[in-house]
């Protein structure tokens, strides 16, 4: 996970803590919305992915302002974008963040894993 965090900070200019939080939110989103088999293969190829997603999910009580905003947006990629902004990721850095995370995933797990994940989640392709 350290390699991915370093790559994201270099590509986006985000600090390491923000990058780690953002990566966790994206991985938790993929775990929830993506095809289970391919997401499991991705997580297996990325040591620390389970812990990052679990940490992001810890704050997902569904209550409070963020839970309300996510509910109003209906979830999906829009809700992920809101979570990333709340974590300190500027709108202009979301695409480079996603592109770097998915490039890393392709290197570690292969296109046969990443392709079905991107293809199965509506709107995700705009971030990768």
C-alpha atoms as a PDB file:
ATOM      1  CA  UNK A   1       0.000   0.000   0.000  1.00  0.00           C
ATOM      2  CA  UNK A   2       2.934   2.346   0.688  1.00  0.00           C
ATOM      3  CA  UNK A   3       3.985   2.220  -2.977  1.00  0.00           C
ATOM      4  CA  UNK A   4       0.495   3.188  -4.115  1.00  0.00           C
ATOM      5  CA  UNK A   5       0.257   6.019  -1.566  1.00  0.00           C
ATOM      6  CA  UNK A   6       3.642   7.354  -2.734  1.00  0.00           C
ATOM      7  CA  UNK A   7       2.567   7.228  -6.377  1.00  0.00           C
ATOM      8  CA  UNK A   8      -0.721   9.001  -5.629  1.00  0.00           C
ATOM      9  CA  UNK A   9       0.990  11.751  -3.631  1.00  0.00           C
ATOM     10  CA  UNK A  10       3.501  12.299  -6.437  1.00  0.00           C
ATOM     11  CA  UNK A  11       0.798  12.380  -9.116  1.00  0.00           C
ATOM     12  CA  UNK A  12      -1.753  14.518  -7.252  1.00  0.00           C
ATOM     13  CA  UNK A  13       0.209  16.592  -4.742  1.00  0.00           C
ATOM     14  CA  UNK A  14      -1.999  15.273  -1.922  1.00  0.00           C
ATOM     15  CA  UNK A  15      -0.367  14.597   1.434  1.00  0.00           C
ATOM     16  CA  UNK A  16       0.117  10.937   2.388  1.00  0.00           C
ATOM     17  CA  UNK A  17      -2.688  10.870   4.970  1.00  0.00           C
ATOM     18  CA  UNK A  18      -5.226  12.321   2.529  1.00  0.00           C
ATOM     19  CA  UNK A  19      -4.058   9.962  -0.204  1.00  0.00           C
ATOM     20  CA  UNK A  20      -4.400   6.963   2.122  1.00  0.00           C
ATOM     21  CA  UNK A  21      -7.915   8.004   3.158  1.00  0.00           C
ATOM     22  CA  UNK A  22      -8.945   8.594  -0.463  1.00  0.00           C
ATOM     23  CA  UNK A  23      -7.552   5.235  -1.587  1.00  0.00           C
ATOM     24  CA  UNK A  24      -9.470   3.553   1.229  1.00  0.00           C
ATOM     25  CA  UNK A  25     -12.716   5.234   0.130  1.00  0.00           C
ATOM     26  CA  UNK A  26     -12.208   4.144  -3.477  1.00  0.00           C
ATOM     27  CA  UNK A  27     -11.378   0.564  -2.489  1.00  0.00           C
ATOM     28  CA  UNK A  28     -14.396   0.403  -0.155  1.00  0.00           C
ATOM     29  CA  UNK A  29     -16.548   1.709  -3.016  1.00  0.00           C
ATOM     30  CA  UNK A  30     -15.198  -0.955  -5.383  1.00  0.00           C
ATOM     31  CA  UNK A  31     -15.808  -3.607  -2.744  1.00  0.00           C
ATOM     32  CA  UNK A  32     -19.429  -2.499  -2.414  1.00  0.00           C
ATOM     33  CA  UNK A  33     -20.258  -1.761  -6.066  1.00  0.00           C
ATOM     34  CA  UNK A  34     -17.910  -3.929  -8.131  1.00  0.00           C
ATOM     35  CA  UNK A  35     -18.062  -7.566  -9.210  1.00  0.00           C
ATOM     36  CA  UNK A  36     -17.110  -9.654  -6.166  1.00  0.00           C
ATOM     37  CA  UNK A  37     -14.759 -12.069  -7.941  1.00  0.00           C
ATOM     38  CA  UNK A  38     -12.648  -9.419  -9.654  1.00  0.00           C
ATOM     39  CA  UNK A  39     -12.595  -7.119  -6.609  1.00  0.00           C
ATOM     40  CA  UNK A  40     -11.392 -10.043  -4.472  1.00  0.00           C
ATOM     41  CA  UNK A  41      -8.639 -10.705  -7.029  1.00  0.00           C
ATOM     42  CA  UNK A  42      -7.649  -7.023  -6.977  1.00  0.00           C
ATOM     43  CA  UNK A  43      -7.532  -6.965  -3.173  1.00  0.00           C
ATOM     44  CA  UNK A  44      -5.434 -10.150  -3.165  1.00  0.00           C
ATOM     45  CA  UNK A  45      -2.946  -8.491  -5.522  1.00  0.00           C
ATOM     46  CA  UNK A  46      -2.749  -5.322  -3.408  1.00  0.00           C
ATOM     47  CA  UNK A  47      -1.532  -6.072   0.129  1.00  0.00           C
ATOM     48  CA  UNK A  48      -3.220  -3.707   2.559  1.00  0.00           C
ATOM     49  CA  UNK A  49      -6.313  -3.146   0.395  1.00  0.00           C
ATOM     50  CA  UNK A  50      -8.604  -4.965   2.848  1.00  0.00           C
ATOM     51  CA  UNK A  51      -7.360  -2.868   5.762  1.00  0.00           C
ATOM     52  CA  UNK A  52      -7.675   0.394   3.792  1.00  0.00           C
ATOM     53  CA  UNK A  53     -11.254  -0.411   2.752  1.00  0.00           C
ATOM     54  CA  UNK A  54     -12.162  -1.503   6.286  1.00  0.00           C
ATOM     55  CA  UNK A  55     -10.764   1.717   7.721  1.00  0.00           C
ATOM     56  CA  UNK A  56     -12.816   3.768   5.235  1.00  0.00           C
ATOM     57  CA  UNK A  57     -15.921   1.766   6.133  1.00  0.00           C
ATOM     58  CA  UNK A  58     -15.450   2.449   9.857  1.00  0.00           C
ATOM     59  CA  UNK A  59     -16.657   5.997   9.334  1.00  0.00           C
ATOM     60  CA  UNK A  60     -19.673   4.834   7.346  1.00  0.00           C
ATOM     61  CA  UNK A  61     -22.290   4.838  10.034  1.00  0.00           C
ATOM     62  CA  UNK A  62     -24.762   6.353   7.616  1.00  0.00           C
ATOM     63  CA  UNK A  63     -25.561   9.118  10.073  1.00  0.00           C
ATOM     64  CA  UNK A  64     -24.633  12.735  10.184  1.00  0.00           C
ATOM     65  CA  UNK A  65     -24.372  15.202   7.360  1.00  0.00           C
ATOM     66  CA  UNK A  66     -22.260  12.981   5.102  1.00  0.00           C
ATOM     67  CA  UNK A  67     -24.670  10.082   5.419  1.00  0.00           C
ATOM     68  CA  UNK A  68     -27.531  12.398   4.609  1.00  0.00           C
ATOM     69  CA  UNK A  69     -25.721  13.844   1.574  1.00  0.00           C
ATOM     70  CA  UNK A  70     -24.826  10.379   0.316  1.00  0.00           C
ATOM     71  CA  UNK A  71     -28.429   9.297   0.704  1.00  0.00           C
ATOM     72  CA  UNK A  72     -29.705  12.347  -1.159  1.00  0.00           C
ATOM     73  CA  UNK A  73     -27.300  11.692  -4.006  1.00  0.00           C
ATOM     74  CA  UNK A  74     -28.421   8.110  -4.298  1.00  0.00           C
ATOM     75  CA  UNK A  75     -24.947   6.668  -3.842  1.00  0.00           C
ATOM     76  CA  UNK A  76     -22.771   5.519  -6.698  1.00  0.00           C
ATOM     77  CA  UNK A  77     -19.895   7.498  -8.146  1.00  0.00           C
ATOM     78  CA  UNK A  78     -21.434  10.831  -7.081  1.00  0.00           C
ATOM     79  CA  UNK A  79     -21.443   9.757  -3.432  1.00  0.00           C
ATOM     80  CA  UNK A  80     -17.841   8.576  -3.805  1.00  0.00           C
ATOM     81  CA  UNK A  81     -16.903  11.995  -5.175  1.00  0.00           C
ATOM     82  CA  UNK A  82     -18.525  13.636  -2.168  1.00  0.00           C
ATOM     83  CA  UNK A  83     -16.583  11.376   0.206  1.00  0.00           C
ATOM     84  CA  UNK A  84     -13.340  12.207  -1.573  1.00  0.00           C
ATOM     85  CA  UNK A  85     -14.027  15.951  -1.368  1.00  0.00           C
ATOM     86  CA  UNK A  86     -14.862  15.601   2.330  1.00  0.00           C
ATOM     87  CA  UNK A  87     -11.536  13.768   2.797  1.00  0.00           C
ATOM     88  CA  UNK A  88      -9.694  16.747   1.290  1.00  0.00           C
ATOM     89  CA  UNK A  89      -9.357  15.717  -2.354  1.00  0.00           C
ATOM     90  CA  UNK A  90     -10.007  18.699  -4.657  1.00  0.00           C
ATOM     91  CA  UNK A  91     -12.305  18.027  -7.623  1.00  0.00           C
ATOM     92  CA  UNK A  92      -9.405  18.525 -10.037  1.00  0.00           C
ATOM     93  CA  UNK A  93      -7.374  15.770  -8.372  1.00  0.00           C
ATOM     94  CA  UNK A  94     -10.038  13.051  -8.436  1.00  0.00           C
ATOM     95  CA  UNK A  95      -9.330  11.939 -11.996  1.00  0.00           C
ATOM     96  CA  UNK A  96      -5.526  11.767 -11.526  1.00  0.00           C
ATOM     97  CA  UNK A  97      -6.100   9.920  -8.225  1.00  0.00           C
ATOM     98  CA  UNK A  98      -8.393   7.380  -9.868  1.00  0.00           C
ATOM     99  CA  UNK A  99      -6.134   7.001 -12.890  1.00  0.00           C
ATOM    100  CA  UNK A 100      -3.111   6.261 -10.691  1.00  0.00           C
ATOM    101  CA  UNK A 101      -5.004   3.796  -8.495  1.00  0.00           C
ATOM    102  CA  UNK A 102      -6.357   1.926 -11.520  1.00  0.00           C
ATOM    103  CA  UNK A 103      -2.964   1.935 -13.277  1.00  0.00           C
ATOM    104  CA  UNK A 104      -1.502   0.412 -10.111  1.00  0.00           C
ATOM    105  CA  UNK A 105      -4.323  -2.152 -10.053  1.00  0.00           C
ATOM    106  CA  UNK A 106      -3.647  -3.068 -13.679  1.00  0.00           C
ATOM    107  CA  UNK A 107       0.054  -3.555 -12.907  1.00  0.00           C
ATOM    108  CA  UNK A 108      -0.658  -5.756  -9.893  1.00  0.00           C
ATOM    109  CA  UNK A 109      -3.806  -7.663 -10.932  1.00  0.00           C
ATOM    110  CA  UNK A 110      -3.970  -7.283 -14.707  1.00  0.00           C
ATOM    111  CA  UNK A 111      -6.448  -5.882 -17.192  1.00  0.00           C
ATOM    112  CA  UNK A 112      -8.577  -9.047 -16.999  1.00  0.00           C
ATOM    113  CA  UNK A 113      -9.366  -8.043 -13.398  1.00  0.00           C
ATOM    114  CA  UNK A 114      -9.574  -4.270 -13.772  1.00  0.00           C
ATOM    115  CA  UNK A 115     -11.562  -4.209 -17.021  1.00  0.00           C
ATOM    116  CA  UNK A 116     -14.668  -5.909 -15.583  1.00  0.00           C
ATOM    117  CA  UNK A 117     -14.520  -3.713 -12.462  1.00  0.00           C
ATOM    118  CA  UNK A 118     -14.475  -0.476 -14.469  1.00  0.00           C
ATOM    119  CA  UNK A 119     -17.042  -1.801 -16.938  1.00  0.00           C
ATOM    120  CA  UNK A 120     -19.523  -2.867 -14.262  1.00  0.00           C
ATOM    121  CA  UNK A 121     -19.824   0.426 -12.345  1.00  0.00           C
ATOM    122  CA  UNK A 122     -21.734   3.195 -14.137  1.00  0.00           C
ATOM    123  CA  UNK A 123     -19.776   6.441 -14.350  1.00  0.00           C
ATOM    124  CA  UNK A 124     -16.519   5.007 -13.023  1.00  0.00           C
ATOM    125  CA  UNK A 125     -14.751   5.319 -16.373  1.00  0.00           C
ATOM    126  CA  UNK A 126     -14.682   9.125 -15.995  1.00  0.00           C
ATOM    127  CA  UNK A 127     -12.310   8.699 -13.046  1.00  0.00           C
ATOM    128  CA  UNK A 128      -9.950   6.235 -14.687  1.00  0.00           C
END
